[in-house]
Amino acid sequence: MTSYATAAVLSTLAEGEGGGNHESLNPYLTGGGALFVLLLLLFITTRFNRDR
């Protein structure tokens, strides 16, 4: 399979039937959740890195 065919298949799968926009996913809630998880991981990493 060529890279063009692979890209076409992945693009079709990503679109889905509804055009790719899910009305149940709030972008602010999703972004806020991702930000919270990243900040939590940063906090955990800096707490356990005691060698500096």
PDB file of N, CA and C in Angstrom:
ATOM      1  N   MET A   1       0.847  -1.172   0.000  1.00  0.00           N
ATOM      2  CA  MET A   1       0.000   0.000   0.000  1.00  0.00           C
ATOM      3  C   MET A   1       0.901   1.247   0.000  1.00  0.00           C
ATOM      4  N   THR A   2       0.591   2.148  -0.857  1.00  0.00           N
ATOM      5  CA  THR A   2       1.398   3.367  -0.936  1.00  0.00           C
ATOM      6  C   THR A   2       1.046   4.317   0.196  1.00  0.00           C
ATOM      7  N   SER A   3       1.904   5.295   0.395  1.00  0.00           N
ATOM      8  CA  SER A   3       1.643   6.249   1.474  1.00  0.00           C
ATOM      9  C   SER A   3       0.393   7.082   1.182  1.00  0.00           C
ATOM     10  N   TYR A   4       0.117   7.328  -0.104  1.00  0.00           N
ATOM     11  CA  TYR A   4      -1.093   8.081  -0.452  1.00  0.00           C
ATOM     12  C   TYR A   4      -2.342   7.278  -0.104  1.00  0.00           C
ATOM     13  N   ALA A   5      -2.316   5.988  -0.408  1.00  0.00           N
ATOM     14  CA  ALA A   5      -3.471   5.143  -0.106  1.00  0.00           C
ATOM     15  C   ALA A   5      -3.655   5.014   1.403  1.00  0.00           C
ATOM     16  N   THR A   6      -2.558   4.898   2.131  1.00  0.00           N
ATOM     17  CA  THR A   6      -2.641   4.806   3.583  1.00  0.00           C
ATOM     18  C   THR A   6      -3.223   6.089   4.165  1.00  0.00           C
ATOM     19  N   ALA A   7      -2.769   7.235   3.658  1.00  0.00           N
ATOM     20  CA  ALA A   7      -3.294   8.514   4.139  1.00  0.00           C
ATOM     21  C   ALA A   7      -4.776   8.647   3.825  1.00  0.00           C
ATOM     22  N   ALA A   8      -5.195   8.168   2.676  1.00  0.00           N
ATOM     23  CA  ALA A   8      -6.606   8.244   2.310  1.00  0.00           C
ATOM     24  C   ALA A   8      -7.458   7.378   3.225  1.00  0.00           C
ATOM     25  N   VAL A   9      -6.970   6.178   3.533  1.00  0.00           N
ATOM     26  CA  VAL A   9      -7.722   5.281   4.422  1.00  0.00           C
ATOM     27  C   VAL A   9      -7.811   5.879   5.820  1.00  0.00           C
ATOM     28  N   LEU A  10      -6.695   6.398   6.335  1.00  0.00           N
ATOM     29  CA  LEU A  10      -6.708   6.979   7.677  1.00  0.00           C
ATOM     30  C   LEU A  10      -7.580   8.222   7.738  1.00  0.00           C
ATOM     31  N   SER A  11      -7.593   9.003   6.677  1.00  0.00           N
ATOM     32  CA  SER A  11      -8.439  10.186   6.633  1.00  0.00           C
ATOM     33  C   SER A  11      -9.912   9.806   6.655  1.00  0.00           C
ATOM     34  N   THR A  12     -10.255   8.761   5.925  1.00  0.00           N
ATOM     35  CA  THR A  12     -11.639   8.293   5.904  1.00  0.00           C
ATOM     36  C   THR A  12     -12.054   7.764   7.270  1.00  0.00           C
ATOM     37  N   LEU A  13     -11.151   7.026   7.924  1.00  0.00           N
ATOM     38  CA  LEU A  13     -11.471   6.498   9.250  1.00  0.00           C
ATOM     39  C   LEU A  13     -11.602   7.612  10.279  1.00  0.00           C
ATOM     40  N   ALA A  14     -10.773   8.641  10.163  1.00  0.00           N
ATOM     41  CA  ALA A  14     -10.810   9.735  11.125  1.00  0.00           C
ATOM     42  C   ALA A  14     -12.087  10.556  10.985  1.00  0.00           C
ATOM     43  N   GLU A  15     -12.592  10.653   9.776  1.00  0.00           N
ATOM     44  CA  GLU A  15     -13.807  11.440   9.559  1.00  0.00           C
ATOM     45  C   GLU A  15     -15.017  10.798  10.189  1.00  0.00           C
ATOM     46  N   GLY A  16     -15.151   9.511  10.011  1.00  0.00           N
ATOM     47  CA  GLY A  16     -16.322   8.820  10.551  1.00  0.00           C
ATOM     48  C   GLY A  16     -17.566   9.211   9.790  1.00  0.00           C
ATOM     49  N   GLU A  17     -18.699   8.906  10.375  1.00  0.00           N
ATOM     50  CA  GLU A  17     -19.958   9.187   9.692  1.00  0.00           C
ATOM     51  C   GLU A  17     -20.448  10.602   9.945  1.00  0.00           C
ATOM     52  N   GLY A  18     -20.060  11.199  11.073  1.00  0.00           N
ATOM     53  CA  GLY A  18     -20.610  12.494  11.430  1.00  0.00           C
ATOM     54  C   GLY A  18     -19.730  13.661  11.020  1.00  0.00           C
ATOM     55  N   GLY A  19     -18.711  13.423  10.224  1.00  0.00           N
ATOM     56  CA  GLY A  19     -17.868  14.520   9.789  1.00  0.00           C
ATOM     57  C   GLY A  19     -16.729  14.825  10.741  1.00  0.00           C
ATOM     58  N   GLY A  20     -16.578  14.051  11.789  1.00  0.00           N
ATOM     59  CA  GLY A  20     -15.447  14.224  12.682  1.00  0.00           C
ATOM     60  C   GLY A  20     -15.713  15.084  13.898  1.00  0.00           C
ATOM     61  N   ASN A  21     -16.842  15.766  13.971  1.00  0.00           N
ATOM     62  CA  ASN A  21     -17.150  16.604  15.132  1.00  0.00           C
ATOM     63  C   ASN A  21     -18.128  15.879  16.039  1.00  0.00           C
ATOM     64  N   HIS A  22     -17.700  15.625  17.268  1.00  0.00           N
ATOM     65  CA  HIS A  22     -18.562  14.968  18.237  1.00  0.00           C
ATOM     66  C   HIS A  22     -19.147  16.042  19.133  1.00  0.00           C
ATOM     67  N   GLU A  23     -20.448  16.118  19.153  1.00  0.00           N
ATOM     68  CA  GLU A  23     -21.097  17.161  19.938  1.00  0.00           C
ATOM     69  C   GLU A  23     -21.041  16.866  21.426  1.00  0.00           C
ATOM     70  N   SER A  24     -20.734  15.615  21.806  1.00  0.00           N
ATOM     71  CA  SER A  24     -20.686  15.287  23.225  1.00  0.00           C
ATOM     72  C   SER A  24     -19.355  15.686  23.857  1.00  0.00           C
ATOM     73  N   LEU A  25     -18.342  16.001  23.043  1.00  0.00           N
ATOM     74  CA  LEU A  25     -17.039  16.377  23.570  1.00  0.00           C
ATOM     75  C   LEU A  25     -16.925  17.890  23.620  1.00  0.00           C
ATOM     76  N   ASN A  26     -16.818  18.414  24.828  1.00  0.00           N
ATOM     77  CA  ASN A  26     -16.649  19.846  25.011  1.00  0.00           C
ATOM     78  C   ASN A  26     -15.162  20.164  24.887  1.00  0.00           C
ATOM     79  N   PRO A  27     -14.761  21.012  23.937  1.00  0.00           N
ATOM     80  CA  PRO A  27     -13.326  21.269  23.762  1.00  0.00           C
ATOM     81  C   PRO A  27     -12.684  21.940  24.968  1.00  0.00           C
ATOM     82  N   TYR A  28     -13.414  22.772  25.685  1.00  0.00           N
ATOM     83  CA  TYR A  28     -12.856  23.415  26.872  1.00  0.00           C
ATOM     84  C   TYR A  28     -12.635  22.405  27.991  1.00  0.00           C
ATOM     85  N   LEU A  29     -13.586  21.489  28.151  1.00  0.00           N
ATOM     86  CA  LEU A  29     -13.438  20.447  29.169  1.00  0.00           C
ATOM     87  C   LEU A  29     -12.301  19.499  28.806  1.00  0.00           C
ATOM     88  N   THR A  30     -12.193  19.146  27.551  1.00  0.00           N
ATOM     89  CA  THR A  30     -11.119  18.257  27.104  1.00  0.00           C
ATOM     90  C   THR A  30      -9.761  18.922  27.286  1.00  0.00           C
ATOM     91  N   GLY A  31      -9.641  20.178  26.882  1.00  0.00           N
ATOM     92  CA  GLY A  31      -8.382  20.900  27.037  1.00  0.00           C
ATOM     93  C   GLY A  31      -8.023  21.133  28.488  1.00  0.00           C
ATOM     94  N   GLY A  32      -9.014  21.456  29.300  1.00  0.00           N
ATOM     95  CA  GLY A  32      -8.769  21.655  30.723  1.00  0.00           C
ATOM     96  C   GLY A  32      -8.342  20.362  31.401  1.00  0.00           C
ATOM     97  N   GLY A  33      -8.952  19.266  31.013  1.00  0.00           N
ATOM     98  CA  GLY A  33      -8.562  17.968  31.567  1.00  0.00           C
ATOM     99  C   GLY A  33      -7.145  17.588  31.172  1.00  0.00           C
ATOM    100  N   ALA A  34      -6.798  17.841  29.913  1.00  0.00           N
ATOM    101  CA  ALA A  34      -5.442  17.545  29.456  1.00  0.00           C
ATOM    102  C   ALA A  34      -4.420  18.422  30.168  1.00  0.00           C
ATOM    103  N   LEU A  35      -4.751  19.694  30.353  1.00  0.00           N
ATOM    104  CA  LEU A  35      -3.853  20.600  31.070  1.00  0.00           C
ATOM    105  C   LEU A  35      -3.662  20.146  32.515  1.00  0.00           C
ATOM    106  N   PHE A  36      -4.743  19.740  33.163  1.00  0.00           N
ATOM    107  CA  PHE A  36      -4.654  19.257  34.540  1.00  0.00           C
ATOM    108  C   PHE A  36      -3.769  18.022  34.639  1.00  0.00           C
ATOM    109  N   VAL A  37      -3.940  17.078  33.716  1.00  0.00           N
ATOM    110  CA  VAL A  37      -3.130  15.859  33.736  1.00  0.00           C
ATOM    111  C   VAL A  37      -1.664  16.181  33.510  1.00  0.00           C
ATOM    112  N   LEU A  38      -1.361  17.071  32.583  1.00  0.00           N
ATOM    113  CA  LEU A  38       0.034  17.434  32.323  1.00  0.00           C
ATOM    114  C   LEU A  38       0.657  18.153  33.513  1.00  0.00           C
ATOM    115  N   LEU A  39      -0.094  19.047  34.136  1.00  0.00           N
ATOM    116  CA  LEU A  39       0.437  19.727  35.322  1.00  0.00           C
ATOM    117  C   LEU A  39       0.640  18.748  36.480  1.00  0.00           C
ATOM    118  N   LEU A  40      -0.257  17.782  36.619  1.00  0.00           N
ATOM    119  CA  LEU A  40      -0.093  16.764  37.657  1.00  0.00           C
ATOM    120  C   LEU A  40       1.155  15.926  37.401  1.00  0.00           C
ATOM    121  N   LEU A  41       1.381  15.535  36.152  1.00  0.00           N
ATOM    122  CA  LEU A  41       2.583  14.778  35.819  1.00  0.00           C
ATOM    123  C   LEU A  41       3.839  15.608  36.059  1.00  0.00           C
ATOM    124  N   LEU A  42       3.787  16.894  35.743  1.00  0.00           N
ATOM    125  CA  LEU A  42       4.931  17.766  35.998  1.00  0.00           C
ATOM    126  C   LEU A  42       5.215  17.862  37.492  1.00  0.00           C
ATOM    127  N   PHE A  43       4.170  17.993  38.293  1.00  0.00           N
ATOM    128  CA  PHE A  43       4.334  18.070  39.744  1.00  0.00           C
ATOM    129  C   PHE A  43       4.941  16.777  40.301  1.00  0.00           C
ATOM    130  N   ILE A  44       4.417  15.641  39.853  1.00  0.00           N
ATOM    131  CA  ILE A  44       4.939  14.350  40.320  1.00  0.00           C
ATOM    132  C   ILE A  44       6.403  14.185  39.916  1.00  0.00           C
ATOM    133  N   THR A  45       6.727  14.555  38.684  1.00  0.00           N
ATOM    134  CA  THR A  45       8.105  14.415  38.203  1.00  0.00           C
ATOM    135  C   THR A  45       9.055  15.279  39.012  1.00  0.00           C
ATOM    136  N   THR A  46       8.662  16.502  39.298  1.00  0.00           N
ATOM    137  CA  THR A  46       9.566  17.393  40.044  1.00  0.00           C
ATOM    138  C   THR A  46       9.674  16.989  41.514  1.00  0.00           C
ATOM    139  N   ARG A  47       8.644  16.352  42.076  1.00  0.00           N
ATOM    140  CA  ARG A  47       8.712  15.916  43.476  1.00  0.00           C
ATOM    141  C   ARG A  47       9.650  14.727  43.627  1.00  0.00           C
ATOM    142  N   PHE A  48       9.663  13.814  42.648  1.00  0.00           N
ATOM    143  CA  PHE A  48      10.500  12.622  42.757  1.00  0.00           C
ATOM    144  C   PHE A  48      11.910  12.826  42.246  1.00  0.00           C
ATOM    145  N   ASN A  49      12.190  13.930  41.603  1.00  0.00           N
ATOM    146  CA  ASN A  49      13.527  14.193  41.085  1.00  0.00           C
ATOM    147  C   ASN A  49      14.300  14.974  42.148  1.00  0.00           C
ATOM    148  N   ARG A  50      14.834  14.268  43.131  1.00  0.00           N
ATOM    149  CA  ARG A  50      15.495  14.884  44.282  1.00  0.00           C
ATOM    150  C   ARG A  50      16.997  15.022  44.087  1.00  0.00           C
ATOM    151  N   ASP A  51      17.544  14.580  42.957  1.00  0.00           N
ATOM    152  CA  ASP A  51      19.001  14.597  42.795  1.00  0.00           C
ATOM    153  C   ASP A  51      19.537  15.959  42.370  1.00  0.00           C
ATOM    154  N   ARG A  52      18.696  16.924  42.159  1.00  0.00           N
ATOM    155  CA  ARG A  52      19.176  18.250  41.748  1.00  0.00           C
ATOM    156  C   ARG A  52      18.758  19.303  42.747  1.00  0.00           C
TER     157      ARG A  52
END
